[in-house]
């Protein structure tokens, strides 16, 4: 639907999807931090935590730090089956399944949290249910990141800022060197919008999450569902135009 199609990637209706996903990425990242004191939308920090935990002979923490990126990888792999694998087989990628799956994971975490099955919100990372919570959030982030990296031909990444900030820096360098074309300007504005949306999601998350705690999981659950049906509606529109 979007893959390597510049007109589709930068179309206003699709920009809304990218910004909404970046908002969700920021919200989920701060949600993981406030819930169990760990960021979840990227895997870089876990490598350092794994090494440091081993050094301090904290094997439980080291094991958790090792497996969290694994769940990010599993989420990316599952998403890949519905996107890149189907595309290589000559089939249309399916985005809605991944988005609905993410919604179900968020909703399940919300229900378990409200029922007390995940312990006290904001407690230090020290028990198995904290690991389950963190693993589930990492899974959804991996799924979302792979889904829309594939959909946009690696132009859009919405769960962390490292790659998109690097791309923005390269894009700015091209423009300052007068090598930037119109597509580069569009790309840079899209990147800026994604970064701002991620930050807004984090800021709003800090305010809301501390007030409603585990109920916060229903926000990305609903947002994922809305985006899923938006993508479904867009796909149906494209298919109807081909007829």
Protein backbone atom coordinates (compact mmCIF):
# COMPACT_ATOMS: atom_id res chain seq x y z
CA UNK A 1 0.00 0.00 0.00
CA UNK A 2 2.81 2.43 0.83
CA UNK A 3 5.98 0.48 -0.03
CA UNK A 4 8.57 2.73 -1.72
CA UNK A 5 5.79 4.87 -3.21
CA UNK A 6 6.75 8.46 -2.49
CA UNK A 7 3.32 9.86 -3.34
CA UNK A 8 1.70 7.47 -0.87
CA UNK A 9 4.32 7.90 1.85
CA UNK A 10 4.06 11.69 1.87
CA UNK A 11 0.32 11.93 1.18
CA UNK A 12 -1.43 13.97 3.91
CA UNK A 13 -3.78 11.12 4.87
CA UNK A 14 -0.83 8.80 5.40
CA UNK A 15 1.20 11.39 7.27
CA UNK A 16 -1.53 11.27 9.90
CA UNK A 17 -0.91 7.53 10.27
CA UNK A 18 2.86 8.02 10.65
CA UNK A 19 2.40 10.77 13.23
CA UNK A 20 -0.18 8.73 15.16
CA UNK A 21 2.20 5.77 15.26
CA UNK A 22 5.09 7.94 16.42
CA UNK A 23 2.83 9.38 19.12
CA UNK A 24 2.00 5.84 20.18
CA UNK A 25 5.69 4.89 20.15
CA UNK A 26 6.51 7.73 22.54
CA UNK A 27 3.53 6.93 24.73
CA UNK A 28 4.37 3.22 24.98
CA UNK A 29 8.03 3.95 25.65
CA UNK A 30 7.27 6.17 28.64
CA UNK A 31 4.54 3.73 29.72
CA UNK A 32 7.12 0.96 30.04
CA UNK A 33 9.45 3.26 31.94
CA UNK A 34 6.80 4.38 34.43
CA UNK A 35 5.42 0.85 34.84
CA UNK A 36 8.67 -1.08 35.41
CA UNK A 37 11.44 1.53 35.05
CA UNK A 38 12.62 0.31 31.65
CA UNK A 39 12.36 1.88 28.18
CA UNK A 40 10.93 -0.57 25.67
CA UNK A 41 10.77 0.93 22.18
CA UNK A 42 14.42 0.29 21.28
CA UNK A 43 16.92 -2.42 22.17
CA UNK A 44 20.22 -0.51 22.37
CA UNK A 45 20.19 0.15 26.10
CA UNK A 46 19.57 -3.48 26.96
CA UNK A 47 23.01 -4.49 25.65
CA UNK A 48 24.68 -2.18 28.16
CA UNK A 49 22.34 -3.30 30.93
CA UNK A 50 23.09 -6.95 30.14
CA UNK A 51 26.85 -6.38 30.42
CA UNK A 52 26.55 -4.28 33.57
CA UNK A 53 24.24 -6.81 35.25
CA UNK A 54 26.69 -9.61 34.51
CA UNK A 55 29.50 -7.52 35.95
CA UNK A 56 27.50 -6.98 39.15
CA UNK A 57 26.59 -10.70 39.27
CA UNK A 58 22.88 -9.92 38.94
CA UNK A 59 22.02 -12.86 36.75
CA UNK A 60 18.25 -12.38 36.87
CA UNK A 61 18.57 -8.81 35.59
CA UNK A 62 21.09 -9.96 32.99
CA UNK A 63 18.74 -12.68 31.76
CA UNK A 64 15.87 -10.19 31.50
CA UNK A 65 18.08 -7.70 29.64
CA UNK A 66 19.06 -10.44 27.21
CA UNK A 67 15.55 -11.67 26.45
CA UNK A 68 13.78 -8.31 26.07
CA UNK A 69 15.50 -7.60 22.72
CA UNK A 70 14.62 -11.16 21.74
CA UNK A 71 10.93 -10.32 22.09
CA UNK A 72 11.48 -7.17 20.02
CA UNK A 73 13.01 -9.46 17.38
CA UNK A 74 10.10 -11.90 17.61
CA UNK A 75 7.64 -9.05 17.09
CA UNK A 76 9.60 -7.89 14.03
CA UNK A 77 9.68 -11.44 12.67
CA UNK A 78 5.94 -11.98 13.09
CA UNK A 79 5.28 -8.68 11.36
CA UNK A 80 7.61 -9.69 8.54
CA UNK A 81 5.48 -12.74 7.74
CA UNK A 82 2.53 -10.46 6.97
CA UNK A 83 4.54 -7.91 4.97
CA UNK A 84 7.87 -8.79 3.35
CA UNK A 85 7.25 -12.54 3.07
CA UNK A 86 3.90 -11.97 1.38
CA UNK A 87 5.40 -9.31 -0.90
CA UNK A 88 8.17 -11.67 -2.04
CA UNK A 89 5.51 -14.25 -2.86
CA UNK A 90 3.76 -11.72 -5.07
CA UNK A 91 0.95 -11.25 -2.54
CA UNK A 92 -0.29 -8.00 -1.08
CA UNK A 93 1.09 -7.30 2.41
CA UNK A 94 -1.46 -7.33 5.24
CA UNK A 95 -1.01 -4.60 7.83
CA UNK A 96 -4.28 -4.84 9.70
CA UNK A 97 -3.45 -8.21 11.33
CA UNK A 98 -0.35 -6.81 13.04
CA UNK A 99 -2.17 -3.68 14.23
CA UNK A 100 -5.07 -5.70 15.65
CA UNK A 101 -2.58 -8.06 17.32
CA UNK A 102 -0.89 -5.08 18.96
CA UNK A 103 -4.26 -3.77 20.11
CA UNK A 104 -5.08 -7.13 21.70
CA UNK A 105 -1.72 -7.23 23.52
CA UNK A 106 -2.22 -3.72 24.93
CA UNK A 107 -5.80 -4.48 25.95
CA UNK A 108 -4.75 -7.74 27.62
CA UNK A 109 -2.04 -5.95 29.60
CA UNK A 110 -4.57 -3.34 30.66
CA UNK A 111 -7.04 -5.97 31.85
CA UNK A 112 -4.37 -7.95 33.70
CA UNK A 113 -3.02 -4.80 35.29
CA UNK A 114 -6.39 -3.52 36.47
CA UNK A 115 -7.16 -6.97 37.92
CA UNK A 116 -3.92 -6.92 39.89
CA UNK A 117 -2.22 -9.72 37.97
CA UNK A 118 0.76 -7.52 37.04
CA UNK A 119 1.46 -6.27 40.54
CA UNK A 120 1.72 -2.67 41.67
CA UNK A 121 2.13 -0.13 38.89
CA UNK A 122 5.52 1.57 39.06
CA UNK A 123 7.21 -0.98 41.31
CA UNK A 124 10.90 -1.73 40.64
CA UNK A 125 11.69 -4.38 38.04
CA UNK A 126 12.07 -7.44 40.23
CA UNK A 127 9.43 -10.09 39.53
CA UNK A 128 8.30 -12.39 36.73
CA UNK A 129 5.17 -10.38 35.93
CA UNK A 130 7.37 -7.32 35.39
CA UNK A 131 9.33 -9.33 32.84
CA UNK A 132 6.09 -10.42 31.13
CA UNK A 133 4.95 -6.80 30.92
CA UNK A 134 8.24 -5.60 29.49
CA UNK A 135 8.48 -8.50 27.04
CA UNK A 136 4.95 -7.87 25.75
CA UNK A 137 5.64 -4.17 25.22
CA UNK A 138 8.92 -4.94 23.43
CA UNK A 139 7.05 -7.42 21.22
CA UNK A 140 4.53 -4.77 20.15
CA UNK A 141 7.27 -2.22 19.49
CA UNK A 142 9.18 -4.70 17.34
CA UNK A 143 6.02 -5.53 15.44
CA UNK A 144 5.13 -1.88 14.84
CA UNK A 145 8.65 -0.87 13.85
CA UNK A 146 9.04 -3.70 11.33
CA UNK A 147 5.55 -3.21 9.96
CA UNK A 148 6.01 0.41 8.96
CA UNK A 149 9.68 0.18 8.09
CA UNK A 150 8.56 -2.37 5.52
CA UNK A 151 5.52 -0.39 4.44
CA UNK A 152 7.50 2.79 3.79
CA UNK A 153 10.64 1.26 2.31
CA UNK A 154 12.60 2.15 5.50
CA UNK A 155 11.63 5.83 5.22
CA UNK A 156 9.42 5.73 8.31
CA UNK A 157 10.34 4.36 11.74
CA UNK A 158 8.01 5.20 14.57
CA UNK A 159 9.07 3.49 17.80
CA UNK A 160 12.40 5.20 18.45
CA UNK A 161 14.30 8.30 17.36
CA UNK A 162 17.84 7.07 16.68
CA UNK A 163 17.44 6.13 13.02
CA UNK A 164 15.03 8.91 12.11
CA UNK A 165 17.27 11.54 13.73
CA UNK A 166 20.27 10.22 11.80
CA UNK A 167 18.25 10.36 8.56
CA UNK A 168 17.21 13.92 9.37
CA UNK A 169 20.83 14.95 9.92
CA UNK A 170 21.87 13.46 6.57
CA UNK A 171 18.91 15.14 4.88
CA UNK A 172 19.80 18.53 6.36
CA UNK A 173 23.40 18.12 5.18
CA UNK A 174 22.18 17.47 1.63
CA UNK A 175 19.98 20.55 1.67
CA UNK A 176 22.72 22.77 3.09
CA UNK A 177 25.02 21.48 0.35
CA UNK A 178 22.30 22.26 -2.21
CA UNK A 179 21.97 18.62 -3.14
CA UNK A 180 18.47 18.25 -1.76
CA UNK A 181 15.58 17.80 -4.15
CA UNK A 182 11.90 18.30 -3.42
CA UNK A 183 11.65 14.73 -2.12
CA UNK A 184 14.41 15.49 0.40
CA UNK A 185 12.48 18.46 1.74
CA UNK A 186 9.37 16.31 2.09
CA UNK A 187 11.37 13.60 3.84
CA UNK A 188 12.88 16.04 6.32
CA UNK A 189 9.54 17.58 7.21
CA UNK A 190 8.11 14.09 7.68
CA UNK A 191 11.04 13.17 9.95
CA UNK A 192 10.59 16.34 11.99
CA UNK A 193 6.88 15.57 12.34
CA UNK A 194 7.63 12.03 13.53
CA UNK A 195 10.17 13.26 16.09
CA UNK A 196 7.75 15.89 17.41
CA UNK A 197 4.90 13.34 17.55
CA UNK A 198 7.08 10.91 19.51
CA UNK A 199 8.00 13.65 22.00
CA UNK A 200 4.37 14.74 22.33
CA UNK A 201 3.36 11.12 22.99
CA UNK A 202 5.99 10.92 25.72
CA UNK A 203 4.98 14.23 27.31
CA UNK A 204 1.27 13.44 27.31
CA UNK A 205 2.08 9.96 28.56
CA UNK A 206 3.95 11.32 31.58
CA UNK A 207 0.88 13.31 32.61
CA UNK A 208 -1.81 10.72 31.90
CA UNK A 209 -0.08 7.49 32.88
CA UNK A 210 0.73 8.59 36.41
CA UNK A 211 -2.95 9.38 36.92
CA UNK A 212 -4.67 6.30 35.49
CA UNK A 213 -1.80 3.76 35.69
CA UNK A 214 -2.76 0.40 34.12
CA UNK A 215 -5.77 1.94 32.38
CA UNK A 216 -3.19 3.71 30.22
CA UNK A 217 -2.73 0.51 28.21
CA UNK A 218 -6.16 0.96 26.70
CA UNK A 219 -5.03 4.17 24.98
CA UNK A 220 -2.56 2.47 22.59
CA UNK A 221 -5.03 -0.44 22.33
CA UNK A 222 -7.72 1.88 20.95
CA UNK A 223 -5.25 3.86 18.84
CA UNK A 224 -3.88 0.67 17.25
CA UNK A 225 -7.42 -0.41 16.43
CA UNK A 226 -8.25 2.96 14.86
CA UNK A 227 -5.10 2.83 12.72
CA UNK A 228 -5.88 -0.76 11.72
CA UNK A 229 -9.27 0.20 10.35
CA UNK A 230 -7.81 3.30 8.70
CA UNK A 231 -5.35 1.07 6.85
CA UNK A 232 -8.12 -1.38 5.97
CA UNK A 233 -10.29 1.42 4.59
CA UNK A 234 -7.37 2.81 2.57
CA UNK A 235 -6.64 -0.61 1.09
CA UNK A 236 -10.26 -1.08 0.07
CA UNK A 237 -10.21 2.33 -1.62
CA UNK A 238 -7.11 1.38 -3.61
CA UNK A 239 -8.59 -1.97 -4.61
CA UNK A 240 -11.86 -0.37 -5.73
CA UNK A 241 -9.98 2.10 -7.96
CA UNK A 242 -8.22 -0.79 -9.69
CA UNK A 243 -11.53 -2.35 -10.69
